[in-house]
Amino acid sequence: MMNTELRRKHLGSLLVGLQFGLILLLALSVLPIVRQGQVQGVATLLAAAGLALAAWALWAYPPGSFNIRPTPRADGQVVQRGPYRWIRHPMYSSIALCGLACACAAQQAWVWLALVAMGGVLLAKALLEERWMAQQHPEYAAYRARTKRFVPWLL
């Protein structure tokens, strides 16, 4: 049992490390563009939407229970308010929107590749989190059946 928990923690930490490394890479890719004030309207709208979604998701979470790892907290619960009414991973969606904003602003192939890599990391985190949430919370299966993973009514 303890070995399983340790593996979960290590895998979660690895995915979080990859996620933050890719976020940093994407952010650094647009830093010169932002400094010059040359960010396009679409990129600005995507970034604003991503930040607004992140703020809404954080607002919906009970104080002190937010977790960046895909491992469910022992005292956690299935949040079903705010954006969680429609999507299971609004924070991952917000990260993807901000990453897409960076790729649109930078307009370089390697930035798009970093965005695809981040999408893979976020999907891996979501799949693991969903499996572990279902094991810990019996009501999660019904929640998963009525919500989408990343985009309301679509995906």
C-alpha atoms as a PDB file:
ATOM      1  CA  MET A   1       0.000   0.000   0.000  1.00  0.00           C
ATOM      2  CA  MET A   2       2.693   2.496   0.971  1.00  0.00           C
ATOM      3  CA  ASN A   3       4.695   1.598  -2.132  1.00  0.00           C
ATOM      4  CA  THR A   4       1.692   2.461  -4.334  1.00  0.00           C
ATOM      5  CA  GLU A   5       1.256   5.831  -2.618  1.00  0.00           C
ATOM      6  CA  LEU A   6       4.953   6.601  -3.026  1.00  0.00           C
ATOM      7  CA  ARG A   7       4.831   5.739  -6.738  1.00  0.00           C
ATOM      8  CA  ARG A   8       1.773   7.946  -7.183  1.00  0.00           C
ATOM      9  CA  LYS A   9       3.518  10.815  -5.445  1.00  0.00           C
ATOM     10  CA  HIS A  10       6.663  10.436  -7.567  1.00  0.00           C
ATOM     11  CA  LEU A  11       4.718  10.149 -10.809  1.00  0.00           C
ATOM     12  CA  GLY A  12       2.597  13.158  -9.865  1.00  0.00           C
ATOM     13  CA  SER A  13       5.711  15.165  -9.017  1.00  0.00           C
ATOM     14  CA  LEU A  14       7.334  14.212 -12.322  1.00  0.00           C
ATOM     15  CA  LEU A  15       4.280  15.337 -14.289  1.00  0.00           C
ATOM     16  CA  VAL A  16       4.033  18.582 -12.329  1.00  0.00           C
ATOM     17  CA  GLY A  17       7.729  19.236 -12.951  1.00  0.00           C
ATOM     18  CA  LEU A  18       7.288  18.651 -16.685  1.00  0.00           C
ATOM     19  CA  GLN A  19       4.204  20.862 -16.693  1.00  0.00           C
ATOM     20  CA  PHE A  20       5.936  23.762 -14.977  1.00  0.00           C
ATOM     21  CA  GLY A  21       9.041  23.384 -17.133  1.00  0.00           C
ATOM     22  CA  LEU A  22       6.914  23.622 -20.267  1.00  0.00           C
ATOM     23  CA  ILE A  23       4.937  26.566 -18.858  1.00  0.00           C
ATOM     24  CA  LEU A  24       8.226  28.366 -18.211  1.00  0.00           C
ATOM     25  CA  LEU A  25       9.471  27.567 -21.711  1.00  0.00           C
ATOM     26  CA  LEU A  26       6.248  28.893 -23.258  1.00  0.00           C
ATOM     27  CA  ALA A  27       6.306  32.018 -21.106  1.00  0.00           C
ATOM     28  CA  LEU A  28       9.930  32.733 -21.996  1.00  0.00           C
ATOM     29  CA  SER A  29       9.114  32.315 -25.679  1.00  0.00           C
ATOM     30  CA  VAL A  30       6.799  35.335 -25.592  1.00  0.00           C
ATOM     31  CA  LEU A  31       8.728  37.512 -23.165  1.00  0.00           C
ATOM     32  CA  PRO A  32      10.487  39.511 -25.924  1.00  0.00           C
ATOM     33  CA  ILE A  33       7.179  39.989 -27.747  1.00  0.00           C
ATOM     34  CA  VAL A  34       5.440  41.167 -24.574  1.00  0.00           C
ATOM     35  CA  ARG A  35       8.300  43.566 -23.755  1.00  0.00           C
ATOM     36  CA  GLN A  36       8.000  45.108 -27.217  1.00  0.00           C
ATOM     37  CA  GLY A  37       4.229  45.411 -26.865  1.00  0.00           C
ATOM     38  CA  GLN A  38       3.640  43.357 -30.006  1.00  0.00           C
ATOM     39  CA  VAL A  39       1.207  40.748 -28.706  1.00  0.00           C
ATOM     40  CA  GLN A  40      -1.631  40.123 -31.175  1.00  0.00           C
ATOM     41  CA  GLY A  41      -5.275  40.482 -30.204  1.00  0.00           C
ATOM     42  CA  VAL A  42      -6.040  36.755 -30.452  1.00  0.00           C
ATOM     43  CA  ALA A  43      -3.169  35.872 -28.151  1.00  0.00           C
ATOM     44  CA  THR A  44      -4.285  38.486 -25.640  1.00  0.00           C
ATOM     45  CA  LEU A  45      -7.863  37.178 -25.692  1.00  0.00           C
ATOM     46  CA  LEU A  46      -6.701  33.576 -25.212  1.00  0.00           C
ATOM     47  CA  ALA A  47      -4.456  34.545 -22.306  1.00  0.00           C
ATOM     48  CA  ALA A  48      -7.228  36.581 -20.680  1.00  0.00           C
ATOM     49  CA  ALA A  49      -9.678  33.684 -21.078  1.00  0.00           C
ATOM     50  CA  GLY A  50      -7.136  31.281 -19.568  1.00  0.00           C
ATOM     51  CA  LEU A  51      -6.457  33.534 -16.589  1.00  0.00           C
ATOM     52  CA  ALA A  52     -10.170  34.157 -16.024  1.00  0.00           C
ATOM     53  CA  LEU A  53     -10.892  30.426 -16.098  1.00  0.00           C
ATOM     54  CA  ALA A  54      -8.068  29.772 -13.627  1.00  0.00           C
ATOM     55  CA  ALA A  55      -9.414  32.437 -11.254  1.00  0.00           C
ATOM     56  CA  TRP A  56     -12.932  31.005 -11.495  1.00  0.00           C
ATOM     57  CA  ALA A  57     -11.676  27.471 -10.846  1.00  0.00           C
ATOM     58  CA  LEU A  58      -9.670  28.603  -7.819  1.00  0.00           C
ATOM     59  CA  TRP A  59     -12.709  30.486  -6.492  1.00  0.00           C
ATOM     60  CA  ALA A  60     -14.805  27.299  -6.769  1.00  0.00           C
ATOM     61  CA  TYR A  61     -12.357  25.260  -4.702  1.00  0.00           C
ATOM     62  CA  PRO A  62     -12.773  25.019  -0.920  1.00  0.00           C
ATOM     63  CA  PRO A  63     -10.055  27.045   0.844  1.00  0.00           C
ATOM     64  CA  GLY A  64      -6.883  25.064   1.483  1.00  0.00           C
ATOM     65  CA  SER A  65      -7.816  22.059  -0.649  1.00  0.00           C
ATOM     66  CA  PHE A  66      -6.248  22.953  -4.020  1.00  0.00           C
ATOM     67  CA  ASN A  67      -3.581  20.479  -5.155  1.00  0.00           C
ATOM     68  CA  ILE A  68      -1.225  20.760  -8.140  1.00  0.00           C
ATOM     69  CA  ARG A  69      -0.462  17.031  -8.148  1.00  0.00           C
ATOM     70  CA  PRO A  70      -2.886  14.576  -9.754  1.00  0.00           C
ATOM     71  CA  THR A  71      -2.950  12.580  -6.513  1.00  0.00           C
ATOM     72  CA  PRO A  72      -6.221  13.228  -4.653  1.00  0.00           C
ATOM     73  CA  ARG A  73      -5.883  14.665  -1.170  1.00  0.00           C
ATOM     74  CA  ALA A  74      -6.922  12.323   1.639  1.00  0.00           C
ATOM     75  CA  ASP A  75      -9.369  14.932   2.942  1.00  0.00           C
ATOM     76  CA  GLY A  76     -10.417  16.080  -0.542  1.00  0.00           C
ATOM     77  CA  GLN A  77     -13.821  16.132  -2.140  1.00  0.00           C
ATOM     78  CA  VAL A  78     -15.297  16.152  -5.630  1.00  0.00           C
ATOM     79  CA  VAL A  79     -15.807  19.835  -6.476  1.00  0.00           C
ATOM     80  CA  GLN A  80     -18.876  20.329  -8.677  1.00  0.00           C
ATOM     81  CA  ARG A  81     -19.456  24.073  -8.634  1.00  0.00           C
ATOM     82  CA  GLY A  82     -18.149  26.916 -10.769  1.00  0.00           C
ATOM     83  CA  PRO A  83     -16.514  25.661 -13.961  1.00  0.00           C
ATOM     84  CA  TYR A  84     -16.364  22.168 -12.437  1.00  0.00           C
ATOM     85  CA  ARG A  85     -20.084  21.848 -13.238  1.00  0.00           C
ATOM     86  CA  TRP A  86     -19.155  21.411 -16.895  1.00  0.00           C
ATOM     87  CA  ILE A  87     -15.496  20.356 -17.012  1.00  0.00           C
ATOM     88  CA  ARG A  88     -13.435  18.159 -14.728  1.00  0.00           C
ATOM     89  CA  HIS A  89     -10.110  19.935 -15.234  1.00  0.00           C
ATOM     90  CA  PRO A  90     -10.632  23.683 -15.692  1.00  0.00           C
ATOM     91  CA  MET A  91      -7.152  24.465 -14.374  1.00  0.00           C
ATOM     92  CA  TYR A  92      -5.620  22.264 -17.072  1.00  0.00           C
ATOM     93  CA  SER A  93      -7.869  23.965 -19.627  1.00  0.00           C
ATOM     94  CA  SER A  94      -6.696  27.374 -18.406  1.00  0.00           C
ATOM     95  CA  ILE A  95      -3.066  26.319 -18.735  1.00  0.00           C
ATOM     96  CA  ALA A  96      -3.758  25.077 -22.262  1.00  0.00           C
ATOM     97  CA  LEU A  97      -5.437  28.383 -23.192  1.00  0.00           C
ATOM     98  CA  CYS A  98      -2.483  30.379 -21.897  1.00  0.00           C
ATOM     99  CA  GLY A  99      -0.092  28.037 -23.710  1.00  0.00           C
ATOM    100  CA  LEU A 100      -2.075  28.481 -26.905  1.00  0.00           C
ATOM    101  CA  ALA A 101      -1.816  32.247 -26.408  1.00  0.00           C
ATOM    102  CA  CYS A 102       1.969  31.915 -26.188  1.00  0.00           C
ATOM    103  CA  ALA A 103       2.122  29.791 -29.339  1.00  0.00           C
ATOM    104  CA  CYS A 104      -0.073  32.243 -31.257  1.00  0.00           C
ATOM    105  CA  ALA A 105       2.045  35.182 -30.121  1.00  0.00           C
ATOM    106  CA  ALA A 106       5.442  33.570 -30.741  1.00  0.00           C
ATOM    107  CA  GLN A 107       4.506  31.988 -34.088  1.00  0.00           C
ATOM    108  CA  GLN A 108       7.479  29.631 -34.015  1.00  0.00           C
ATOM    109  CA  ALA A 109       7.401  25.885 -34.683  1.00  0.00           C
ATOM    110  CA  TRP A 110       9.286  24.927 -31.525  1.00  0.00           C
ATOM    111  CA  VAL A 111       6.747  26.799 -29.381  1.00  0.00           C
ATOM    112  CA  TRP A 112       3.916  24.844 -30.999  1.00  0.00           C
ATOM    113  CA  LEU A 113       5.841  21.630 -30.252  1.00  0.00           C
ATOM    114  CA  ALA A 114       6.210  22.696 -26.613  1.00  0.00           C
ATOM    115  CA  LEU A 115       2.446  23.333 -26.530  1.00  0.00           C
ATOM    116  CA  VAL A 116       1.754  19.838 -27.895  1.00  0.00           C
ATOM    117  CA  ALA A 117       4.118  18.366 -25.290  1.00  0.00           C
ATOM    118  CA  MET A 118       2.314  20.276 -22.565  1.00  0.00           C
ATOM    119  CA  GLY A 119      -0.999  18.983 -23.879  1.00  0.00           C
ATOM    120  CA  GLY A 120       0.353  15.451 -23.517  1.00  0.00           C
ATOM    121  CA  VAL A 121       1.471  16.107 -19.953  1.00  0.00           C
ATOM    122  CA  LEU A 122      -1.894  17.640 -19.025  1.00  0.00           C
ATOM    123  CA  LEU A 123      -3.754  14.702 -20.567  1.00  0.00           C
ATOM    124  CA  ALA A 124      -1.566  12.218 -18.668  1.00  0.00           C
ATOM    125  CA  LYS A 125      -2.213  14.118 -15.424  1.00  0.00           C
ATOM    126  CA  ALA A 126      -5.949  14.210 -16.095  1.00  0.00           C
ATOM    127  CA  LEU A 127      -6.169  10.486 -16.840  1.00  0.00           C
ATOM    128  CA  LEU A 128      -4.249   9.557 -13.703  1.00  0.00           C
ATOM    129  CA  GLU A 129      -6.209  11.987 -11.545  1.00  0.00           C
ATOM    130  CA  GLU A 130      -9.505  10.640 -12.845  1.00  0.00           C
ATOM    131  CA  ARG A 131      -8.502   7.048 -12.133  1.00  0.00           C
ATOM    132  CA  TRP A 132      -7.336   7.894  -8.625  1.00  0.00           C
ATOM    133  CA  MET A 133     -10.362  10.091  -7.896  1.00  0.00           C
ATOM    134  CA  ALA A 134     -12.700   7.257  -8.910  1.00  0.00           C
ATOM    135  CA  GLN A 135     -10.876   4.936  -6.514  1.00  0.00           C
ATOM    136  CA  GLN A 136     -11.158   7.397  -3.630  1.00  0.00           C
ATOM    137  CA  HIS A 137     -14.603   8.901  -4.281  1.00  0.00           C
ATOM    138  CA  PRO A 138     -17.501   6.610  -5.280  1.00  0.00           C
ATOM    139  CA  GLU A 139     -19.512   9.605  -6.578  1.00  0.00           C
ATOM    140  CA  TYR A 140     -16.762  10.494  -9.081  1.00  0.00           C
ATOM    141  CA  ALA A 141     -18.001   8.008 -11.707  1.00  0.00           C
ATOM    142  CA  ALA A 142     -21.357   9.790 -11.987  1.00  0.00           C
ATOM    143  CA  TYR A 143     -19.607  13.176 -12.070  1.00  0.00           C
ATOM    144  CA  ARG A 144     -17.284  11.976 -14.832  1.00  0.00           C
ATOM    145  CA  ALA A 145     -20.232  10.638 -16.830  1.00  0.00           C
ATOM    146  CA  ARG A 146     -21.988  14.034 -16.923  1.00  0.00           C
ATOM    147  CA  THR A 147     -18.999  16.340 -17.486  1.00  0.00           C
ATOM    148  CA  LYS A 148     -16.344  16.772 -20.159  1.00  0.00           C
ATOM    149  CA  ARG A 149     -12.639  16.573 -19.443  1.00  0.00           C
ATOM    150  CA  PHE A 150     -11.398  19.931 -20.803  1.00  0.00           C
ATOM    151  CA  VAL A 151     -13.966  21.749 -22.976  1.00  0.00           C
ATOM    152  CA  PRO A 152     -17.667  21.980 -22.063  1.00  0.00           C
ATOM    153  CA  TRP A 153     -19.945  19.946 -24.338  1.00  0.00           C
ATOM    154  CA  LEU A 154     -17.012  18.893 -26.561  1.00  0.00           C
ATOM    155  CA  LEU A 155     -13.941  17.278 -25.077  1.00  0.00           C
END
